[in-house]
Amino acid sequence: MFTGSLNVPYGLHDRYTEGVGGDNNGSTNNDRTNYYENVPSNYLETALWMEADRMGFLLDKLDEAKFTAQRDIVQNERRQGTDNQPYGRGFEIITSQLLPESNPYSWPVVGYIADLKSAGVEDVKEFFRLYYAPNNATLAIVGDIDPVKTKQWVVKYFGELKKGAPIARPKVEPATLNAEKRVTFEDRVQVPRLYVAWPTVGSDSDDDRVLDIVAAILSEPRTARLTKELVYDKQSAANVGAFQATSENHGFFMTQITPRPNHTLTELEAAADSVIARFKREGPTAEEMTKATAGVEFGFVAGLENNLAKAEQLLNGTVFHGDAGYYKKAYAGIKSVTAADVKRVVNKYLGAGRVVLSIVPQGKLDQASKPEASKK
């Protein structure tokens, strides 16, 4: 997508974005790919022309040489971001253990090296024709624009692009685990690390935002339950993290703990389990709810400070919720979470069905949490 299209030779996209003080890029996650341009408002028509040409006429200029070069780049991204990154395989292993192989969320977005090597240029063309067609695309334009003129430009440049085949969007049910899975992975690291993950829900569930509040109560400030207990009071952990990872139809809640010297993953797992068990019994305090909700609310509002973030919110609402104004409901939802919601959700999802992953230095399988019960 960055190698030029029929009327936009390689390099021109950068020239008309970065060359005028803007930028362009893209990203892909489990559910969508996006491409964007940040440009001065007087370059908006140029940006629309380039994006329409890429959508309609990319394959006219895609050849084996361009494909091979970009495939090599993606393979290198895989090596840099996952294979050669300390603890880089953690999320991938967790996901593969949480989900059956038949679940489309079970494999990584970037893919595996063997898959990348086996892909061909015709695979890319077939994929592009199906998924990058106008009838599967949503366009958001945010900034200092003339709405009437902007709509005229959109019709001018995108209006004659041909539709692709109809797409049936899959609906994936949230995963569940009936029992605990324990896994150990040897990595080129100096210090072991513990991950515990529970299958939860995707962004299509209101419980998703409640789990964000749970994460804030457990790990974000120094007074958060896991942080206070393990990092400050016992000083057995160097750091602690907890978060809800969310896709459209799938999610998981994860805690991540790195030990201090002379403390073991087995010890830390037991201590964290004790904190969570107490939290499940007691529920959150009023002070915890106030702090956690304010923190999540601040993060949401701060994420709307620039035009790109606003555009992404509009796209997210339109694509996944059928409502460009969904961000209003999402914001109100954060403020409406109650202590009863938090206690219910913690007890519903943070149960016995979970994945416990120990990443340990090579040759140090004994440093895993409960090594006798963990498979390699």
Protein backbone atom coordinates (compact mmCIF):
# COMPACT_ATOMS: atom_id res chain seq x y z
CA MET A 1 0.00 0.00 0.00
CA PHE A 2 3.06 2.28 0.21
CA THR A 3 4.68 1.37 -3.11
CA GLY A 4 2.65 3.55 -5.47
CA SER A 5 -0.54 3.12 -7.51
CA LEU A 6 -1.48 3.77 -11.13
CA ASN A 7 -1.39 7.58 -11.00
CA VAL A 8 0.65 8.06 -7.82
CA PRO A 9 4.22 6.83 -8.40
CA TYR A 10 6.31 5.52 -5.52
CA GLY A 11 7.43 8.43 -3.31
CA LEU A 12 4.70 10.87 -4.32
CA HIS A 13 2.50 9.96 -1.35
CA ASP A 14 5.30 10.95 1.04
CA ARG A 15 6.10 14.06 -0.98
CA TYR A 16 2.53 15.36 -0.72
CA THR A 17 2.16 14.55 2.99
CA GLU A 18 5.53 14.62 4.78
CA GLY A 19 6.85 17.10 2.23
CA VAL A 20 4.23 19.68 3.20
CA GLY A 21 4.59 19.23 6.97
CA GLY A 22 2.20 16.32 7.46
CA ASP A 23 2.56 12.57 7.67
CA ASN A 24 0.98 9.32 6.50
CA ASN A 25 0.94 5.79 7.80
CA GLY A 26 -1.32 2.87 8.58
CA SER A 27 -1.93 0.12 11.10
CA THR A 28 -3.55 -3.28 11.27
CA ASN A 29 -5.09 -5.09 14.22
CA ASN A 30 -7.29 -8.17 14.60
CA ASP A 31 -10.37 -6.45 13.20
CA ARG A 32 -9.38 -3.72 10.77
CA THR A 33 -6.72 -1.97 8.72
CA ASN A 34 -6.56 1.82 8.53
CA TYR A 35 -4.61 4.27 6.41
CA TYR A 36 -4.37 7.96 7.16
CA GLU A 37 -2.93 11.26 6.06
CA ASN A 38 -2.36 14.31 8.24
CA VAL A 39 -2.00 17.28 5.91
CA PRO A 40 -2.60 21.05 5.88
CA SER A 41 -6.22 21.74 4.94
CA ASN A 42 -5.24 23.11 1.52
CA TYR A 43 -3.85 19.65 0.66
CA LEU A 44 -7.06 17.79 1.53
CA GLU A 45 -8.13 17.36 -2.11
CA THR A 46 -4.69 15.97 -2.98
CA ALA A 47 -4.90 13.49 -0.09
CA LEU A 48 -8.34 12.31 -1.21
CA TRP A 49 -7.10 11.86 -4.78
CA MET A 50 -4.11 9.80 -3.63
CA GLU A 51 -6.18 7.63 -1.30
CA ALA A 52 -8.80 6.99 -3.98
CA ASP A 53 -6.13 6.09 -6.49
CA ARG A 54 -4.62 3.64 -4.02
CA MET A 55 -8.02 2.06 -3.38
CA GLY A 56 -8.99 1.82 -7.03
CA PHE A 57 -5.72 1.26 -8.86
CA LEU A 58 -3.10 -0.19 -6.54
CA LEU A 59 -3.01 -3.56 -8.31
CA ASP A 60 -2.20 -1.89 -11.64
CA LYS A 61 1.31 -1.26 -10.30
CA LEU A 62 1.79 -4.21 -7.94
CA ASP A 63 4.39 -6.64 -9.28
CA GLU A 64 6.52 -9.47 -7.93
CA ALA A 65 9.45 -7.21 -7.06
CA LYS A 66 7.33 -4.82 -4.99
CA PHE A 67 5.58 -7.71 -3.28
CA THR A 68 8.84 -9.43 -2.36
CA ALA A 69 10.33 -6.23 -0.95
CA GLN A 70 7.28 -5.55 1.24
CA ARG A 71 7.07 -9.16 2.39
CA ASP A 72 10.71 -8.92 3.54
CA ILE A 73 9.81 -5.78 5.49
CA VAL A 74 6.92 -7.54 7.24
CA GLN A 75 9.15 -10.51 8.08
CA ASN A 76 11.64 -8.09 9.62
CA GLU A 77 8.83 -6.42 11.60
CA ARG A 78 7.95 -9.87 12.94
CA ARG A 79 11.56 -10.47 14.00
CA GLN A 80 12.01 -7.02 15.54
CA GLY A 81 8.67 -6.83 17.33
CA THR A 82 8.21 -10.44 18.39
CA ASP A 83 10.92 -13.03 17.80
CA ASN A 84 13.94 -10.92 18.83
CA GLN A 85 12.12 -8.85 21.46
CA PRO A 86 12.61 -9.89 25.11
CA TYR A 87 9.34 -11.51 26.25
CA GLY A 88 8.07 -10.75 22.72
CA ARG A 89 6.31 -14.10 22.28
CA GLY A 90 4.25 -13.67 25.45
CA PHE A 91 1.01 -12.33 23.99
CA GLU A 92 1.17 -14.75 21.09
CA ILE A 93 1.54 -17.74 23.40
CA ILE A 94 -1.24 -16.51 25.69
CA THR A 95 -3.64 -16.09 22.77
CA SER A 96 -2.83 -19.51 21.34
CA GLN A 97 -3.60 -21.10 24.72
CA LEU A 98 -6.78 -19.12 25.35
CA LEU A 99 -8.36 -19.96 22.00
CA PRO A 100 -8.83 -23.05 19.83
CA GLU A 101 -7.00 -23.09 16.49
CA SER A 102 -10.31 -22.68 14.67
CA ASN A 103 -10.90 -19.27 16.28
CA PRO A 104 -9.78 -16.45 13.94
CA TYR A 105 -8.36 -14.51 16.89
CA SER A 106 -5.99 -17.39 17.73
CA TRP A 107 -3.19 -16.42 15.36
CA PRO A 108 -1.08 -13.23 15.38
CA VAL A 109 -1.88 -10.26 13.14
CA VAL A 110 1.63 -10.16 11.65
CA GLY A 111 1.50 -13.91 11.00
CA TYR A 112 4.26 -16.48 11.25
CA ILE A 113 7.44 -16.45 9.18
CA ALA A 114 6.49 -19.71 7.44
CA ASP A 115 3.14 -18.24 6.37
CA LEU A 116 4.77 -15.05 5.12
CA LYS A 117 7.29 -17.04 3.09
CA SER A 118 4.57 -19.17 1.50
CA ALA A 119 2.36 -16.22 0.50
CA GLY A 120 2.45 -15.08 -3.11
CA VAL A 121 1.56 -11.93 -5.00
CA GLU A 122 -1.71 -13.48 -6.18
CA ASP A 123 -2.74 -14.09 -2.56
CA VAL A 124 -2.29 -10.38 -1.89
CA LYS A 125 -4.25 -9.37 -4.97
CA GLU A 126 -7.15 -11.66 -4.08
CA PHE A 127 -7.21 -10.33 -0.52
CA PHE A 128 -7.05 -6.73 -1.71
CA ARG A 129 -9.90 -7.12 -4.20
CA LEU A 130 -12.17 -8.52 -1.50
CA TYR A 131 -11.39 -6.41 1.55
CA TYR A 132 -10.06 -3.09 0.24
CA ALA A 133 -13.03 -2.35 -1.97
CA PRO A 134 -15.17 0.80 -1.48
CA ASN A 135 -18.14 -1.17 -0.11
CA ASN A 136 -15.96 -2.40 2.76
CA ALA A 137 -14.36 0.96 3.54
CA THR A 138 -15.28 3.82 5.86
CA LEU A 139 -13.86 7.31 5.37
CA ALA A 140 -13.44 9.86 8.17
CA ILE A 141 -12.32 13.43 7.55
CA VAL A 142 -11.62 15.66 10.54
CA GLY A 143 -10.21 19.17 10.70
CA ASP A 144 -10.48 22.65 9.23
CA ILE A 145 -12.60 21.72 6.22
CA ASP A 146 -15.49 22.99 4.13
CA PRO A 147 -18.05 20.17 4.49
CA VAL A 148 -19.85 20.92 1.20
CA LYS A 149 -16.69 21.09 -0.89
CA THR A 150 -15.22 18.06 0.92
CA LYS A 151 -18.24 15.90 0.06
CA GLN A 152 -17.96 17.01 -3.57
CA TRP A 153 -14.33 15.88 -3.64
CA VAL A 154 -15.21 12.53 -2.08
CA VAL A 155 -17.82 11.91 -4.79
CA LYS A 156 -15.40 13.10 -7.48
CA TYR A 157 -12.55 10.78 -6.52
CA PHE A 158 -14.27 7.79 -4.92
CA GLY A 159 -17.65 7.81 -6.68
CA GLU A 160 -16.65 5.82 -9.74
CA LEU A 161 -14.60 3.14 -7.98
CA LYS A 162 -16.09 -0.32 -8.53
CA LYS A 163 -17.62 -2.28 -5.69
CA GLY A 164 -16.14 -5.55 -4.57
CA ALA A 165 -17.90 -8.78 -3.71
CA PRO A 166 -20.24 -8.77 -0.68
CA ILE A 167 -18.52 -9.65 2.60
CA ALA A 168 -20.12 -11.65 5.39
CA ARG A 169 -18.59 -10.37 8.61
CA PRO A 170 -17.94 -13.29 10.99
CA LYS A 171 -19.42 -13.27 14.47
CA VAL A 172 -17.12 -14.96 16.94
CA GLU A 173 -18.45 -15.98 20.33
CA PRO A 174 -16.28 -15.09 23.36
CA ALA A 175 -13.99 -17.92 24.41
CA THR A 176 -14.15 -19.73 27.74
CA LEU A 177 -11.78 -22.05 29.58
CA ASN A 178 -13.02 -24.80 31.86
CA ALA A 179 -9.72 -25.29 33.66
CA GLU A 180 -6.34 -23.72 34.20
CA LYS A 181 -3.55 -24.11 31.62
CA ARG A 182 0.08 -23.74 32.69
CA VAL A 183 2.83 -23.10 30.13
CA THR A 184 6.56 -22.34 30.34
CA PHE A 185 8.57 -20.68 27.56
CA GLU A 186 12.36 -20.34 27.50
CA ASP A 187 13.53 -17.00 26.11
CA ARG A 188 16.76 -15.02 25.76
CA VAL A 189 16.09 -13.00 28.91
CA GLN A 190 17.89 -12.49 32.20
CA VAL A 191 14.85 -12.30 34.49
CA PRO A 192 11.75 -14.52 34.49
CA ARG A 193 8.28 -13.00 34.11
CA LEU A 194 4.81 -14.23 35.01
CA TYR A 195 1.65 -13.74 32.93
CA VAL A 196 -1.85 -14.75 33.99
CA ALA A 197 -4.69 -14.31 31.50
CA TRP A 198 -8.43 -14.95 31.64
CA PRO A 199 -10.76 -15.00 28.60
CA THR A 200 -13.27 -12.15 28.84
CA VAL A 201 -15.29 -10.22 26.26
CA GLY A 202 -14.85 -8.00 23.23
CA SER A 203 -15.80 -4.39 22.62
CA ASP A 204 -19.31 -5.54 21.73
CA SER A 205 -19.98 -6.11 25.46
CA ASP A 206 -20.57 -3.44 28.10
CA ASP A 207 -18.41 -5.48 30.48
CA ASP A 208 -15.38 -4.41 28.45
CA ARG A 209 -15.34 -0.93 30.01
CA VAL A 210 -15.91 -2.40 33.48
CA LEU A 211 -12.78 -4.51 33.02
CA ASP A 212 -10.82 -1.31 32.27
CA ILE A 213 -11.89 -0.04 35.69
CA VAL A 214 -10.85 -3.36 37.26
CA ALA A 215 -7.40 -3.01 35.69
CA ALA A 216 -7.02 0.52 37.08
CA ILE A 217 -7.94 -0.64 40.57
CA LEU A 218 -5.46 -3.50 40.47
CA SER A 219 -2.34 -2.00 38.94
CA GLU A 220 -2.07 1.57 37.76
CA PRO A 221 -1.22 3.98 40.64
CA ARG A 222 1.07 3.05 43.54
CA THR A 223 -2.00 2.65 45.74
CA ALA A 224 -3.55 0.07 43.36
CA ARG A 225 -4.02 -3.31 45.00
CA LEU A 226 -1.44 -5.43 43.20
CA THR A 227 1.07 -2.60 42.89
CA LYS A 228 0.83 -1.65 46.56
CA GLU A 229 1.02 -5.24 47.82
CA LEU A 230 3.79 -6.60 45.59
CA VAL A 231 5.89 -3.60 44.56
CA TYR A 232 5.75 -1.39 47.66
CA ASP A 233 4.65 -3.37 50.72
CA LYS A 234 6.37 -6.72 50.12
CA GLN A 235 8.86 -5.35 47.56
CA SER A 236 8.84 -8.75 45.88
CA ALA A 237 8.02 -7.46 42.38
CA ALA A 238 9.92 -4.96 40.25
CA ASN A 239 6.76 -4.08 38.35
CA VAL A 240 3.15 -5.16 37.95
CA GLY A 241 0.68 -4.58 35.16
CA ALA A 242 -2.97 -5.42 34.57
CA PHE A 243 -5.11 -4.62 31.56
CA GLN A 244 -8.05 -5.67 29.42
CA ALA A 245 -7.00 -6.49 25.84
CA THR A 246 -9.97 -6.01 23.55
CA SER A 247 -10.89 -6.94 20.00
CA GLU A 248 -14.37 -6.72 18.51
CA ASN A 249 -15.63 -10.18 19.54
CA HIS A 250 -12.85 -11.35 21.85
CA GLY A 251 -10.93 -10.11 24.85
CA PHE A 252 -8.76 -11.23 27.70
CA PHE A 253 -7.75 -9.76 31.04
CA MET A 254 -4.09 -10.15 31.92
CA THR A 255 -1.75 -9.51 34.81
CA GLN A 256 2.00 -9.34 34.23
CA ILE A 257 4.57 -9.48 37.06
CA THR A 258 8.37 -9.24 37.01
CA PRO A 259 10.12 -10.35 40.24
CA ARG A 260 12.84 -8.63 42.22
CA PRO A 261 16.01 -10.63 42.96
CA ASN A 262 15.53 -13.53 45.42
CA HIS A 263 11.79 -13.74 44.77
CA THR A 264 10.17 -16.47 42.68
CA LEU A 265 7.31 -16.58 40.23
CA THR A 266 5.63 -19.20 42.40
CA GLU A 267 5.68 -16.78 45.33
CA LEU A 268 4.38 -13.91 43.21
CA GLU A 269 1.57 -15.96 41.70
CA ALA A 270 0.36 -16.94 45.16
CA ALA A 271 0.55 -13.35 46.41
CA ALA A 272 -1.33 -11.99 43.37
CA ASP A 273 -3.98 -14.70 43.68
CA SER A 274 -4.49 -13.71 47.30
CA VAL A 275 -4.97 -10.04 46.38
CA ILE A 276 -7.47 -10.89 43.63
CA ALA A 277 -9.37 -13.33 45.87
CA ARG A 278 -9.77 -10.62 48.51
CA PHE A 279 -10.88 -8.16 45.83
CA LYS A 280 -13.52 -10.64 44.64
CA ARG A 281 -14.86 -11.00 48.18
CA GLU A 282 -14.83 -7.34 49.14
CA GLY A 283 -15.41 -5.50 45.90
CA PRO A 284 -13.93 -2.02 45.40
CA THR A 285 -14.05 0.82 47.91
CA ALA A 286 -15.68 4.14 47.08
CA GLU A 287 -12.25 5.77 46.89
CA GLU A 288 -10.99 3.13 44.48
CA MET A 289 -14.00 3.64 42.24
CA THR A 290 -13.49 7.41 42.19
CA LYS A 291 -9.78 7.19 41.36
CA ALA A 292 -10.08 4.42 38.80
CA THR A 293 -13.04 5.96 36.98
CA ALA A 294 -11.32 9.35 36.86
CA GLY A 295 -8.17 7.77 35.43
CA VAL A 296 -9.99 5.85 32.71
CA GLU A 297 -12.14 8.90 31.93
CA PHE A 298 -9.04 11.10 31.64
CA GLY A 299 -7.40 8.60 29.31
CA PHE A 300 -10.46 8.56 27.08
CA VAL A 301 -10.68 12.36 26.86
CA ALA A 302 -6.92 12.77 26.37
CA GLY A 303 -7.21 10.35 23.46
CA LEU A 304 -9.35 12.87 21.60
CA GLU A 305 -6.84 15.71 21.59
CA ASN A 306 -5.82 15.51 17.92
CA ASN A 307 -7.62 15.11 14.62
CA LEU A 308 -6.29 11.61 13.94
CA ALA A 309 -7.62 10.34 17.28
CA LYS A 310 -11.00 11.93 16.61
CA ALA A 311 -11.14 10.33 13.17
CA GLU A 312 -10.32 6.93 14.66
CA GLN A 313 -13.15 7.29 17.19
CA LEU A 314 -15.59 8.13 14.41
CA LEU A 315 -14.41 5.12 12.41
CA ASN A 316 -14.53 2.82 15.42
CA GLY A 317 -18.11 3.82 16.16
CA THR A 318 -19.24 3.48 12.56
CA VAL A 319 -17.51 0.20 11.72
CA PHE A 320 -18.04 -1.73 14.95
CA HIS A 321 -21.18 -0.17 16.43
CA GLY A 322 -23.02 1.29 13.45
CA ASP A 323 -22.91 4.78 14.98
CA ALA A 324 -20.32 7.48 14.29
CA GLY A 325 -21.36 9.13 17.56
CA TYR A 326 -20.77 5.98 19.60
CA TYR A 327 -17.93 7.71 21.48
CA LYS A 328 -20.62 9.59 23.46
CA LYS A 329 -22.10 6.29 24.66
CA ALA A 330 -18.63 4.93 25.42
CA TYR A 331 -17.76 7.99 27.50
CA ALA A 332 -21.06 7.90 29.38
CA GLY A 333 -20.53 4.18 29.94
CA ILE A 334 -17.24 4.77 31.74
CA LYS A 335 -18.90 7.21 34.14
CA SER A 336 -21.83 4.86 34.77
CA VAL A 337 -19.78 1.89 36.05
CA THR A 338 -20.69 1.06 39.65
CA ALA A 339 -18.95 -0.82 42.44
CA ALA A 340 -21.52 -3.58 42.02
CA ASP A 341 -20.56 -3.85 38.32
CA VAL A 342 -16.89 -4.21 39.23
CA LYS A 343 -17.50 -6.89 41.85
CA ARG A 344 -19.78 -8.82 39.49
CA VAL A 345 -17.31 -8.71 36.61
CA VAL A 346 -14.29 -9.70 38.71
CA ASN A 347 -16.15 -12.73 40.02
CA LYS A 348 -17.53 -13.61 36.59
CA TYR A 349 -14.31 -13.55 34.56
CA LEU A 350 -11.31 -13.87 36.91
CA GLY A 351 -11.98 -17.49 37.82
CA ALA A 352 -10.29 -20.88 37.57
CA GLY A 353 -10.31 -20.99 33.75
CA ARG A 354 -7.12 -19.13 32.91
CA VAL A 355 -3.67 -19.39 31.31
CA VAL A 356 -0.57 -19.08 33.49
CA LEU A 357 2.56 -18.43 31.43
CA SER A 358 6.09 -18.33 32.83
CA ILE A 359 8.76 -16.88 30.54
CA VAL A 360 12.15 -17.94 31.92
CA PRO A 361 15.82 -17.65 30.90
CA GLN A 362 17.03 -20.42 28.63
CA GLY A 363 17.95 -23.53 30.58
CA LYS A 364 16.17 -22.27 33.71
CA LEU A 365 12.88 -24.17 33.62
CA ASP A 366 13.04 -24.43 37.41
CA GLN A 367 12.35 -20.67 37.59
CA ALA A 368 8.82 -21.14 36.28
CA SER A 369 5.87 -20.73 38.60
CA LYS A 370 5.02 -24.19 39.95
CA PRO A 371 7.48 -25.75 37.46
CA GLU A 372 6.30 -29.27 38.15
CA ALA A 373 2.81 -28.36 36.85
CA SER A 374 3.82 -26.29 33.81
CA LYS A 375 4.31 -27.80 30.38
CA LYS A 376 7.01 -26.46 28.10
